[in-house]
Amino acid sequence: MTDLGPVLVVTNLDDPTADLVIDELHGRGVPVVRFDSGDFPTTLSIAAHITPHGIQGSLTTSTRTADLTRIRSMYYRRPSGFAFPHLDEQTARFAITQARYGLGGVMASLPHCLYVNHPHRIGDAEFKPSGLAAAVASGFRVPATLITSDPIEARKFISHYQSVIYKPLATPLYRLDGMSSTVKVEEVSADEIDDSISGTAHLFQHRVEKIADVRLTVMGEQIFAVRIDSDLLDWRTDYSKLTYSVVPLPPGTEESIRAYLKHFGLVFGAFDLAIDAVGQWWFLECNASGQWAWLEPETGLPMTAAMADLLERKTT
């Protein structure tokens, strides 16, 4: 690709991580076009032709127009989603579907674009059972895991492994007394399991007796490994209790990382692992749209520059 055009940054308005990367790209003289799918069609429009040479046309925001054949890369972060609040429910549902498969389909089919990451690949990687199975196949240690809607199976699993945690399979918006909340990762006992388990799918996992956590952030060829020390079951519940240090990768870990990313077609991944008392690293999950910017000031790692390198296409 010789005629490099802009980087597309697809995210919501309030995204400090994207802001850092855009500032870095601007400082390098790399053009950027930022938009949110929620901008469509009010301040975002598309005109795309399907041709023998692939998709051609343009994308226009309130301030910029981008040639679809010259997009160098797309940083697909956390767009807010399509919304048509001025339409009735049925018409809005139709419009959202057309936008998703129309604009979304064009954005997923740009001819020379490096996706960080491709939205379809992000969708594939969001399924926890798929991620855990891919981690096993990639050579990671993975705690014993059960996905079930059967209370008998759940109690048998917990009784066998004794120390077991419950994890949500996904984290949609959840409200308690009108306040936004999340379903916590918590240890669970067999006597807490009742027939309500049969109402949906649940994930139970043997608890790793960890001494620390690790966040591995992969940006193309660069891997940043940060050890996170705390006394928390889930370190994300209280950042004020965390301390950070840069650590080397154990032998074989990079090979497992590369195999996992290749399986899903990803160039970026935020891996969460646990370190046990004998120093073994255990795979917990990988977020294909994970956060990383808070680690840079804590460690001095050049993560913003690495992401800008990737999007600029200095590296892949």
Protein backbone atom coordinates (compact mmCIF):
# COMPACT_ATOMS: atom_id res chain seq x y z
CA MET A 1 0.00 0.00 0.00
CA THR A 2 1.82 3.11 -1.22
CA ASP A 3 -0.83 5.84 -1.16
CA LEU A 4 -1.60 6.05 2.55
CA GLY A 5 -4.69 7.98 3.58
CA PRO A 6 -6.31 8.64 6.95
CA VAL A 7 -6.77 6.50 10.03
CA LEU A 8 -10.41 5.95 10.92
CA VAL A 9 -11.14 6.00 14.65
CA VAL A 10 -14.57 4.53 15.40
CA THR A 11 -15.62 5.18 18.98
CA ASN A 12 -17.97 7.14 21.20
CA LEU A 13 -17.47 10.78 22.12
CA ASP A 14 -16.12 10.08 25.62
CA ASP A 15 -13.05 7.92 24.97
CA PRO A 16 -9.84 9.23 26.60
CA THR A 17 -7.81 6.32 25.23
CA ALA A 18 -8.76 7.21 21.66
CA ASP A 19 -8.00 10.87 22.43
CA LEU A 20 -4.41 9.97 23.39
CA VAL A 21 -3.86 7.97 20.21
CA ILE A 22 -5.38 10.68 18.00
CA ASP A 23 -3.14 13.33 19.58
CA GLU A 24 -0.11 11.12 18.92
CA LEU A 25 -1.13 10.59 15.29
CA HIS A 26 -1.76 14.30 14.79
CA GLY A 27 1.72 15.01 16.19
CA ARG A 28 3.15 12.73 13.51
CA GLY A 29 1.19 14.42 10.76
CA VAL A 30 -1.03 11.38 10.18
CA PRO A 31 -4.58 12.35 9.11
CA VAL A 32 -7.40 11.03 11.28
CA VAL A 33 -11.15 10.79 10.70
CA ARG A 34 -13.07 10.09 13.89
CA PHE A 35 -16.73 9.15 14.07
CA ASP A 36 -19.25 7.22 16.10
CA SER A 37 -21.83 4.94 14.54
CA GLY A 38 -24.35 6.91 16.61
CA ASP A 39 -23.56 9.91 14.35
CA PHE A 40 -25.31 8.17 11.44
CA PRO A 41 -27.17 9.56 9.59
CA THR A 42 -27.30 12.99 11.27
CA THR A 43 -23.66 14.04 10.81
CA LEU A 44 -22.28 10.95 9.09
CA SER A 45 -23.05 9.73 5.59
CA ILE A 46 -21.79 7.04 3.26
CA ALA A 47 -21.72 6.61 -0.52
CA ALA A 48 -20.18 3.27 -1.48
CA HIS A 49 -20.11 1.52 -4.85
CA ILE A 50 -19.50 -2.19 -5.27
CA THR A 51 -17.09 -2.48 -8.22
CA PRO A 52 -14.82 -5.11 -9.81
CA HIS A 53 -12.00 -3.45 -7.84
CA GLY A 54 -13.78 -3.67 -4.51
CA ILE A 55 -15.72 -1.05 -2.54
CA GLN A 56 -15.18 2.51 -3.73
CA GLY A 57 -16.72 5.75 -2.55
CA SER A 58 -16.57 8.08 0.40
CA LEU A 59 -17.47 8.54 4.03
CA THR A 60 -18.34 12.05 5.17
CA THR A 61 -18.48 13.47 8.69
CA SER A 62 -19.40 17.02 9.69
CA THR A 63 -15.79 18.12 9.11
CA ARG A 64 -14.06 15.58 6.85
CA THR A 65 -14.51 13.34 3.82
CA ALA A 66 -12.54 10.11 3.48
CA ASP A 67 -11.90 8.13 0.29
CA LEU A 68 -12.80 4.53 1.15
CA THR A 69 -10.04 3.16 -1.07
CA ARG A 70 -7.36 5.10 0.84
CA ILE A 71 -8.13 4.21 4.46
CA ARG A 72 -4.81 3.07 5.92
CA SER A 73 -6.23 1.60 9.15
CA MET A 74 -9.27 1.56 11.40
CA TYR A 75 -9.08 1.75 15.18
CA TYR A 76 -12.40 0.16 16.12
CA ARG A 77 -12.89 1.00 19.78
CA ARG A 78 -16.26 1.43 21.45
CA PRO A 79 -18.90 3.01 19.22
CA SER A 80 -22.21 3.77 20.86
CA GLY A 81 -24.35 1.97 18.29
CA PHE A 82 -27.04 3.13 15.91
CA ALA A 83 -30.05 5.01 17.26
CA PHE A 84 -33.11 6.55 15.64
CA PRO A 85 -35.02 8.08 18.59
CA HIS A 86 -37.22 10.22 16.34
CA LEU A 87 -38.81 7.13 14.74
CA ASP A 88 -41.49 4.82 16.11
CA GLU A 89 -40.26 1.50 17.50
CA GLN A 90 -40.93 -0.63 14.42
CA THR A 91 -39.52 1.88 11.94
CA ALA A 92 -36.48 2.49 14.16
CA ARG A 93 -35.83 -1.25 14.34
CA PHE A 94 -35.89 -1.41 10.54
CA ALA A 95 -33.60 1.65 10.21
CA ILE A 96 -31.10 0.28 12.75
CA THR A 97 -30.93 -3.03 10.90
CA GLN A 98 -30.33 -1.30 7.56
CA ALA A 99 -27.63 0.90 9.10
CA ARG A 100 -25.91 -2.06 10.71
CA TYR A 101 -25.79 -4.15 7.56
CA GLY A 102 -25.28 -1.18 5.24
CA LEU A 103 -22.80 1.19 6.87
CA GLY A 104 -21.48 -1.60 9.07
CA GLY A 105 -21.00 -3.88 6.09
CA VAL A 106 -19.09 -1.23 4.15
CA MET A 107 -16.85 -0.42 7.13
CA ALA A 108 -16.03 -4.13 7.47
CA SER A 109 -15.01 -4.43 3.79
CA LEU A 110 -12.48 -1.66 3.14
CA PRO A 111 -9.99 -2.88 0.55
CA HIS A 112 -6.60 -1.79 1.94
CA CYS A 113 -7.43 -1.21 5.59
CA LEU A 114 -5.59 -2.63 8.59
CA TYR A 115 -8.25 -3.30 11.22
CA VAL A 116 -7.38 -2.85 14.90
CA ASN A 117 -9.45 -4.92 15.30
CA HIS A 118 -11.90 -5.98 12.62
CA PRO A 119 -15.41 -5.57 14.13
CA HIS A 120 -16.47 -9.06 13.09
CA ARG A 121 -13.36 -10.59 14.68
CA ILE A 122 -14.04 -8.63 17.86
CA GLY A 123 -17.54 -10.13 17.87
CA ASP A 124 -16.16 -13.65 17.49
CA ALA A 125 -13.66 -13.17 20.32
CA GLU A 126 -16.26 -11.81 22.76
CA PHE A 127 -17.72 -15.29 23.36
CA LYS A 128 -16.02 -16.53 26.54
CA PRO A 129 -16.38 -20.26 25.76
CA SER A 130 -14.75 -19.69 22.36
CA GLY A 131 -11.94 -17.70 23.97
CA LEU A 132 -11.27 -20.31 26.64
CA ALA A 133 -11.26 -23.13 24.08
CA ALA A 134 -8.88 -21.14 21.85
CA ALA A 135 -6.62 -20.48 24.85
CA VAL A 136 -6.37 -24.20 25.60
CA ALA A 137 -5.59 -24.93 21.94
CA SER A 138 -2.97 -22.15 21.98
CA GLY A 139 -1.06 -23.70 24.88
CA PHE A 140 -2.20 -21.52 27.78
CA ARG A 141 -3.01 -23.00 31.18
CA VAL A 142 -6.75 -22.53 31.66
CA PRO A 143 -8.63 -23.21 34.91
CA ALA A 144 -11.26 -25.96 34.82
CA THR A 145 -14.46 -24.32 33.58
CA LEU A 146 -18.13 -25.29 33.36
CA ILE A 147 -20.80 -23.52 31.30
CA THR A 148 -24.19 -24.85 32.33
CA SER A 149 -27.87 -24.24 32.95
CA ASP A 150 -28.15 -27.42 35.03
CA PRO A 151 -28.10 -26.88 38.83
CA ILE A 152 -27.07 -30.50 39.45
CA GLU A 153 -24.02 -30.13 37.20
CA ALA A 154 -23.16 -26.82 38.86
CA ARG A 155 -23.27 -28.33 42.35
CA LYS A 156 -21.20 -31.34 41.24
CA PHE A 157 -18.56 -29.05 39.73
CA ILE A 158 -18.35 -26.86 42.84
CA SER A 159 -18.23 -29.86 45.18
CA HIS A 160 -15.40 -31.38 43.16
CA TYR A 161 -13.20 -28.28 42.90
CA GLN A 162 -14.22 -26.71 46.24
CA SER A 163 -12.89 -23.25 45.44
CA VAL A 164 -15.01 -22.03 42.50
CA ILE A 165 -15.92 -18.59 41.18
CA TYR A 166 -18.91 -17.43 39.18
CA LYS A 167 -18.33 -15.13 36.21
CA PRO A 168 -20.87 -13.48 33.91
CA LEU A 169 -20.53 -14.66 30.32
CA ALA A 170 -21.01 -11.07 29.17
CA THR A 171 -21.54 -7.71 30.86
CA PRO A 172 -24.60 -5.89 29.48
CA LEU A 173 -25.97 -2.80 31.20
CA TYR A 174 -27.43 -3.83 34.55
CA ARG A 175 -29.36 -1.52 36.87
CA LEU A 176 -30.03 -1.79 40.60
CA ASP A 177 -32.41 0.81 42.03
CA GLY A 178 -31.93 2.82 38.86
CA MET A 179 -28.13 2.85 39.18
CA SER A 180 -25.77 1.33 36.63
CA SER A 181 -24.07 -1.76 38.06
CA THR A 182 -22.25 -4.93 37.04
CA VAL A 183 -22.56 -8.58 37.99
CA LYS A 184 -19.50 -9.30 40.12
CA VAL A 185 -16.98 -12.09 39.84
CA GLU A 186 -17.51 -13.90 43.14
CA GLU A 187 -16.70 -17.16 44.87
CA VAL A 188 -19.71 -19.46 45.10
CA SER A 189 -20.56 -22.52 47.21
CA ALA A 190 -22.65 -25.56 46.28
CA ASP A 191 -25.41 -24.70 48.76
CA GLU A 192 -25.96 -21.36 46.99
CA ILE A 193 -27.01 -23.14 43.79
CA ASP A 194 -30.77 -23.50 43.36
CA ASP A 195 -33.14 -24.20 40.47
CA SER A 196 -32.95 -20.61 39.24
CA ILE A 197 -29.69 -21.69 37.53
CA SER A 198 -31.87 -23.36 34.89
CA GLY A 199 -33.12 -19.97 33.73
CA THR A 200 -30.06 -19.23 31.57
CA ALA A 201 -26.40 -20.12 30.96
CA HIS A 202 -23.77 -19.59 33.66
CA LEU A 203 -19.97 -19.86 33.84
CA PHE A 204 -18.25 -21.48 36.82
CA GLN A 205 -14.48 -21.73 37.06
CA HIS A 206 -11.99 -23.31 39.44
CA ARG A 207 -10.40 -20.45 41.36
CA VAL A 208 -6.69 -19.97 40.76
CA GLU A 209 -4.92 -19.45 44.09
CA LYS A 210 -3.11 -16.45 42.71
CA ILE A 211 -0.43 -14.22 44.16
CA ALA A 212 -0.81 -11.56 41.44
CA ASP A 213 -2.47 -10.75 38.13
CA VAL A 214 -0.97 -9.86 34.77
CA ARG A 215 -2.34 -7.63 32.04
CA LEU A 216 -0.71 -8.48 28.70
CA THR A 217 -1.40 -5.85 26.04
CA VAL A 218 -0.51 -6.78 22.48
CA MET A 219 -0.25 -4.13 19.77
CA GLY A 220 0.91 -5.74 16.55
CA GLU A 221 4.41 -7.06 17.19
CA GLN A 222 4.78 -5.34 20.56
CA ILE A 223 3.80 -7.03 23.83
CA PHE A 224 3.56 -5.16 27.13
CA ALA A 225 3.39 -7.33 30.26
CA VAL A 226 2.39 -5.64 33.52
CA ARG A 227 2.11 -7.43 36.84
CA ILE A 228 -0.75 -6.16 39.03
CA ASP A 229 -0.46 -6.77 42.76
CA SER A 230 -3.46 -6.51 45.09
CA ASP A 231 -5.46 -8.59 47.55
CA LEU A 232 -8.56 -8.50 45.34
CA LEU A 233 -10.34 -11.40 43.67
CA ASP A 234 -11.10 -9.09 40.74
CA TRP A 235 -8.55 -6.25 40.53
CA ARG A 236 -10.91 -4.15 38.39
CA THR A 237 -13.16 -3.49 41.39
CA ASP A 238 -10.76 -1.06 43.11
CA TYR A 239 -7.91 0.55 41.15
CA SER A 240 -6.73 2.43 44.27
CA LYS A 241 -5.43 -0.84 45.75
CA LEU A 242 -3.28 -1.80 42.77
CA THR A 243 0.47 -1.63 42.30
CA TYR A 244 2.19 -2.25 38.97
CA SER A 245 5.49 -3.60 37.71
CA VAL A 246 6.80 -4.56 34.27
CA VAL A 247 7.57 -8.29 34.01
CA PRO A 248 9.18 -10.59 31.40
CA LEU A 249 7.16 -13.29 29.65
CA PRO A 250 7.66 -16.89 30.76
CA PRO A 251 8.99 -19.27 28.07
CA GLY A 252 6.34 -20.24 25.53
CA THR A 253 3.92 -17.44 26.43
CA GLU A 254 4.56 -15.36 23.33
CA GLU A 255 3.91 -18.39 21.14
CA SER A 256 0.59 -18.94 22.90
CA ILE A 257 -0.31 -15.26 22.50
CA ARG A 258 0.43 -15.32 18.77
CA ALA A 259 -1.53 -18.54 18.27
CA TYR A 260 -4.53 -17.11 20.12
CA LEU A 261 -4.55 -13.85 18.14
CA LYS A 262 -4.12 -15.73 14.86
CA HIS A 263 -7.07 -17.97 15.73
CA PHE A 264 -9.38 -14.95 15.96
CA GLY A 265 -7.67 -12.78 13.34
CA LEU A 266 -6.71 -10.08 15.85
CA VAL A 267 -3.76 -7.66 15.91
CA PHE A 268 -4.62 -6.20 19.33
CA GLY A 269 -5.55 -7.99 22.52
CA ALA A 270 -5.71 -7.23 26.25
CA PHE A 271 -5.06 -10.53 28.03
CA ASP A 272 -5.81 -11.09 31.71
CA LEU A 273 -3.82 -13.82 33.45
CA ALA A 274 -3.23 -14.93 37.04
CA ILE A 275 0.10 -15.97 38.60
CA ASP A 276 -0.08 -18.80 41.12
CA ALA A 277 2.22 -19.49 44.07
CA VAL A 278 4.71 -21.50 42.01
CA GLY A 279 4.92 -18.83 39.31
CA GLN A 280 2.70 -20.44 36.69
CA TRP A 281 0.59 -18.11 34.52
CA TRP A 282 -3.09 -18.96 33.98
CA PHE A 283 -5.24 -17.55 31.18
CA LEU A 284 -8.46 -15.91 32.33
CA GLU A 285 -9.68 -13.96 29.30
CA CYS A 286 -8.71 -11.73 26.40
CA ASN A 287 -10.56 -8.53 25.52
CA ALA A 288 -10.24 -7.56 21.86
CA SER A 289 -11.27 -3.97 22.72
CA GLY A 290 -9.66 -3.75 26.13
CA GLN A 291 -8.42 -0.69 27.98
CA TRP A 292 -4.71 -0.04 28.36
CA ALA A 293 -4.00 3.70 28.60
CA TRP A 294 -4.04 3.84 32.43
CA LEU A 295 -1.01 1.52 32.50
CA GLU A 296 1.31 3.89 30.63
CA PRO A 297 1.73 6.55 33.35
CA GLU A 298 1.99 3.79 35.98
CA THR A 299 4.83 1.96 34.20
CA GLY A 300 6.39 4.32 31.66
CA LEU A 301 5.73 1.81 28.88
CA PRO A 302 5.40 3.52 25.43
CA MET A 303 1.95 2.12 24.73
CA THR A 304 0.39 5.13 22.99
CA ALA A 305 3.36 5.32 20.63
CA ALA A 306 3.06 1.58 19.93
CA MET A 307 -0.61 1.89 19.05
CA ALA A 308 0.13 4.89 16.83
CA ASP A 309 2.92 2.91 15.12
CA LEU A 310 0.45 0.14 14.39
CA LEU A 311 -2.23 2.46 13.02
CA GLU A 312 0.29 4.48 11.05
CA ARG A 313 1.41 1.14 9.62
CA LYS A 314 4.99 1.47 10.68
CA THR A 315 4.48 -2.06 12.03
CA THR A 316 1.79 -4.72 11.67
